């Protein structure tokens, strides 16, 4: 059975995630050595809410003085992060440490062109806000930094991940209810 993290969530409801664990873990140099792309993700695997909370915080969490875990050009903080599971699409809010359901259903096929990602427990979508940051190269830099932090978290937590560009952007944007002020940058698949 695929991971069903938020099966009881109603459309528009916000689920508070467990507090991210921001201390501990493996040494950074060891994790960097073990960081890799993996596509052999078990479709039956699950990701705990604690791992998801930690991973989202690593990608786009708030650290000090309103700063993020990654740098953004001119501190525009233009990223938005969505999580796609077998049951729904949710938007991450670092300020509240919540996931808010934006659409119900299984939209993993829109988030992937490769079969393994269509059945993985989680696909994380990195989205750029074109009003906060008009320059595409800066949006892609921020998405790359967030993706790398997801890679590092997964390496230290024993999870598998791979970042991908391929997806049905038009279908996925509709499912995510994005307007044309937002650009889907990358999708990152996570599982075990």
Protein backbone atom coordinates (compact mmCIF):
# COMPACT_ATOMS: atom_id res chain seq x y z
CA UNK A 1 0.00 0.00 0.00
CA UNK A 2 1.37 3.43 -0.91
CA UNK A 3 2.01 5.93 1.82
CA UNK A 4 -1.19 7.69 2.85
CA UNK A 5 0.08 10.41 5.13
CA UNK A 6 -2.91 12.73 5.03
CA UNK A 7 -5.89 10.56 4.14
CA UNK A 8 -8.23 12.35 6.54
CA UNK A 9 -7.36 15.89 5.43
CA UNK A 10 -10.19 17.97 3.98
CA UNK A 11 -9.65 20.32 1.05
CA UNK A 12 -8.20 23.57 2.40
CA UNK A 13 -7.44 22.10 5.81
CA UNK A 14 -4.00 22.61 7.32
CA UNK A 15 -2.24 19.80 9.11
CA UNK A 16 0.42 20.79 11.61
CA UNK A 17 3.54 18.70 11.10
CA UNK A 18 5.71 17.49 13.99
CA UNK A 19 8.29 20.06 15.08
CA UNK A 20 11.35 19.66 12.82
CA UNK A 21 14.34 18.06 14.51
CA UNK A 22 17.08 20.59 13.84
CA UNK A 23 19.86 19.02 15.89
CA UNK A 24 21.58 15.66 15.66
CA UNK A 25 21.91 13.48 12.62
CA UNK A 26 25.05 12.23 10.93
CA UNK A 27 28.19 14.31 10.32
CA UNK A 28 27.90 16.59 7.30
CA UNK A 29 30.97 15.26 5.46
CA UNK A 30 29.72 11.67 5.80
CA UNK A 31 26.27 12.65 4.50
CA UNK A 32 27.79 14.52 1.55
CA UNK A 33 29.78 11.41 0.70
CA UNK A 34 26.62 9.24 0.80
CA UNK A 35 24.35 11.67 -1.11
CA UNK A 36 23.12 10.15 -4.38
CA UNK A 37 20.22 9.90 -6.81
CA UNK A 38 18.15 6.73 -6.45
CA UNK A 39 15.30 5.63 -8.66
CA UNK A 40 14.75 2.17 -7.14
CA UNK A 41 12.07 3.45 -4.78
CA UNK A 42 9.72 0.86 -3.32
CA UNK A 43 6.13 1.91 -4.14
CA UNK A 44 5.02 0.23 -0.89
CA UNK A 45 7.35 2.35 1.24
CA UNK A 46 6.13 5.08 3.56
CA UNK A 47 7.63 8.31 4.82
CA UNK A 48 6.93 9.28 8.42
CA UNK A 49 5.46 12.68 9.20
CA UNK A 50 8.60 13.41 11.25
CA UNK A 51 10.86 12.68 8.26
CA UNK A 52 8.64 14.79 6.03
CA UNK A 53 8.70 17.68 8.49
CA UNK A 54 12.49 17.47 8.82
CA UNK A 55 12.94 17.23 5.03
CA UNK A 56 10.69 20.22 4.28
CA UNK A 57 12.43 22.27 6.96
CA UNK A 58 15.82 21.33 5.46
CA UNK A 59 14.58 22.44 2.04
CA UNK A 60 12.79 25.66 2.94
CA UNK A 61 12.54 26.09 6.68
CA UNK A 62 13.02 29.25 8.70
CA UNK A 63 16.20 29.47 10.73
CA UNK A 64 17.00 32.84 12.31
CA UNK A 65 15.73 36.39 11.81
CA UNK A 66 13.22 35.14 9.23
CA UNK A 67 15.98 33.67 7.06
CA UNK A 68 15.65 30.34 5.27
CA UNK A 69 17.76 27.19 5.32
CA UNK A 70 18.94 28.24 1.86
CA UNK A 71 19.99 31.56 0.44
CA UNK A 72 17.93 33.37 -2.16
CA UNK A 73 19.05 36.26 -4.36
CA UNK A 74 18.26 39.57 -2.67
CA UNK A 75 16.43 37.56 0.03
CA UNK A 76 13.36 37.37 -2.22
CA UNK A 77 12.36 33.98 -0.74
CA UNK A 78 10.54 33.09 -3.95
CA UNK A 79 10.14 29.34 -3.52
CA UNK A 80 6.94 27.50 -2.73
CA UNK A 81 6.91 23.81 -1.94
CA UNK A 82 4.12 21.33 -2.60
CA UNK A 83 3.89 17.68 -1.55
CA UNK A 84 2.11 15.12 -3.72
CA UNK A 85 1.03 11.80 -2.22
CA UNK A 86 -1.29 9.05 -3.45
CA UNK A 87 -4.23 10.93 -1.93
CA UNK A 88 -3.63 14.67 -2.33
CA UNK A 89 -1.53 17.72 -3.12
CA UNK A 90 -0.60 19.94 -0.18
CA UNK A 91 1.27 23.25 0.09
CA UNK A 92 3.98 23.61 2.73
CA UNK A 93 4.07 26.64 5.02
CA UNK A 94 7.36 26.99 6.88
CA UNK A 95 5.92 29.81 9.00
CA UNK A 96 3.31 27.50 10.52
CA UNK A 97 5.02 24.15 9.80
CA UNK A 98 1.86 22.98 8.08
CA UNK A 99 0.66 21.28 4.94
CA UNK A 100 -2.56 22.69 3.48
CA UNK A 101 -4.52 20.50 1.09
CA UNK A 102 -5.01 22.19 -2.31
CA UNK A 103 -6.46 19.22 -4.21
CA UNK A 104 -7.66 15.71 -3.39
CA UNK A 105 -6.78 12.71 -5.52
CA UNK A 106 -3.75 10.91 -6.91
CA UNK A 107 -1.88 13.31 -9.22
CA UNK A 108 1.48 11.54 -9.16
CA UNK A 109 1.17 10.71 -12.86
CA UNK A 110 1.15 14.44 -13.70
CA UNK A 111 4.26 14.96 -11.59
CA UNK A 112 6.27 12.30 -13.40
CA UNK A 113 7.24 10.94 -16.77
CA UNK A 114 9.08 7.97 -15.29
CA UNK A 115 7.12 5.03 -13.91
CA UNK A 116 8.97 4.80 -10.58
CA UNK A 117 7.94 8.37 -9.68
CA UNK A 118 4.29 7.71 -10.54
CA UNK A 119 4.13 5.16 -7.72
CA UNK A 120 6.55 6.68 -5.19
CA UNK A 121 5.11 7.70 -1.82
CA UNK A 122 6.07 11.37 -2.20
CA UNK A 123 6.87 13.84 -4.94
CA UNK A 124 7.97 17.29 -3.79
CA UNK A 125 7.32 20.08 -6.28
CA UNK A 126 9.57 23.16 -6.17
CA UNK A 127 7.73 26.21 -7.53
CA UNK A 128 9.00 29.71 -8.25
CA UNK A 129 6.94 32.84 -7.55
CA UNK A 130 7.54 35.11 -10.54
CA UNK A 131 6.33 38.20 -8.69
CA UNK A 132 8.84 37.80 -5.87
CA UNK A 133 11.70 36.94 -8.25
CA UNK A 134 11.43 37.67 -11.96
CA UNK A 135 14.83 36.22 -12.91
CA UNK A 136 14.50 32.53 -13.80
CA UNK A 137 18.16 31.78 -13.11
CA UNK A 138 17.76 32.95 -9.49
CA UNK A 139 14.63 30.81 -9.09
CA UNK A 140 16.50 27.78 -10.41
CA UNK A 141 19.42 28.50 -8.08
CA UNK A 142 17.07 28.54 -5.07
CA UNK A 143 15.33 25.35 -6.22
CA UNK A 144 18.72 23.66 -6.68
CA UNK A 145 19.81 24.65 -3.18
CA UNK A 146 16.53 23.38 -1.69
CA UNK A 147 16.86 20.15 -3.66
CA UNK A 148 20.40 19.61 -2.41
CA UNK A 149 19.21 20.01 1.18
CA UNK A 150 16.54 17.36 0.52
CA UNK A 151 19.29 15.10 -0.86
CA UNK A 152 21.42 15.64 2.24
CA UNK A 153 18.51 15.01 4.60
CA UNK A 154 17.59 11.82 2.73
CA UNK A 155 21.19 10.57 2.81
CA UNK A 156 21.39 10.96 6.57
CA UNK A 157 17.89 9.51 7.17
CA UNK A 158 18.34 6.43 4.97
CA UNK A 159 15.80 7.61 2.38
CA UNK A 160 16.07 7.51 -1.41
CA UNK A 161 15.55 10.54 -3.63
CA UNK A 162 16.10 11.93 -7.10
CA UNK A 163 15.38 15.38 -8.51
CA UNK A 164 13.66 15.47 -11.88
CA UNK A 165 12.71 18.04 -14.50
CA UNK A 166 10.29 15.83 -16.41
CA UNK A 167 6.60 16.21 -15.61
CA UNK A 168 3.39 17.28 -17.34
CA UNK A 169 3.73 20.93 -16.34
CA UNK A 170 0.36 22.03 -17.70
CA UNK A 171 -1.59 19.19 -16.08
CA UNK A 172 0.37 19.49 -12.84
CA UNK A 173 -0.10 23.28 -12.63
CA UNK A 174 -3.86 22.78 -13.06
CA UNK A 175 -3.93 20.09 -10.37
CA UNK A 176 -1.92 22.34 -8.04
CA UNK A 177 -4.22 25.29 -8.87
CA UNK A 178 -1.26 27.49 -9.84
CA UNK A 179 -1.74 30.75 -11.70
CA UNK A 180 0.63 32.01 -14.38
CA UNK A 181 2.60 33.95 -11.75
CA UNK A 182 4.07 30.61 -10.66
CA UNK A 183 6.54 28.32 -12.44
CA UNK A 184 7.08 24.64 -11.72
CA UNK A 185 10.86 24.32 -11.51
CA UNK A 186 11.64 20.73 -10.46
CA UNK A 187 10.04 17.69 -8.86
CA UNK A 188 11.91 15.60 -6.32
CA UNK A 189 10.79 12.02 -5.67
CA UNK A 190 11.31 10.53 -2.20
CA UNK A 191 10.81 7.04 -0.78
CA UNK A 192 12.66 4.04 0.58
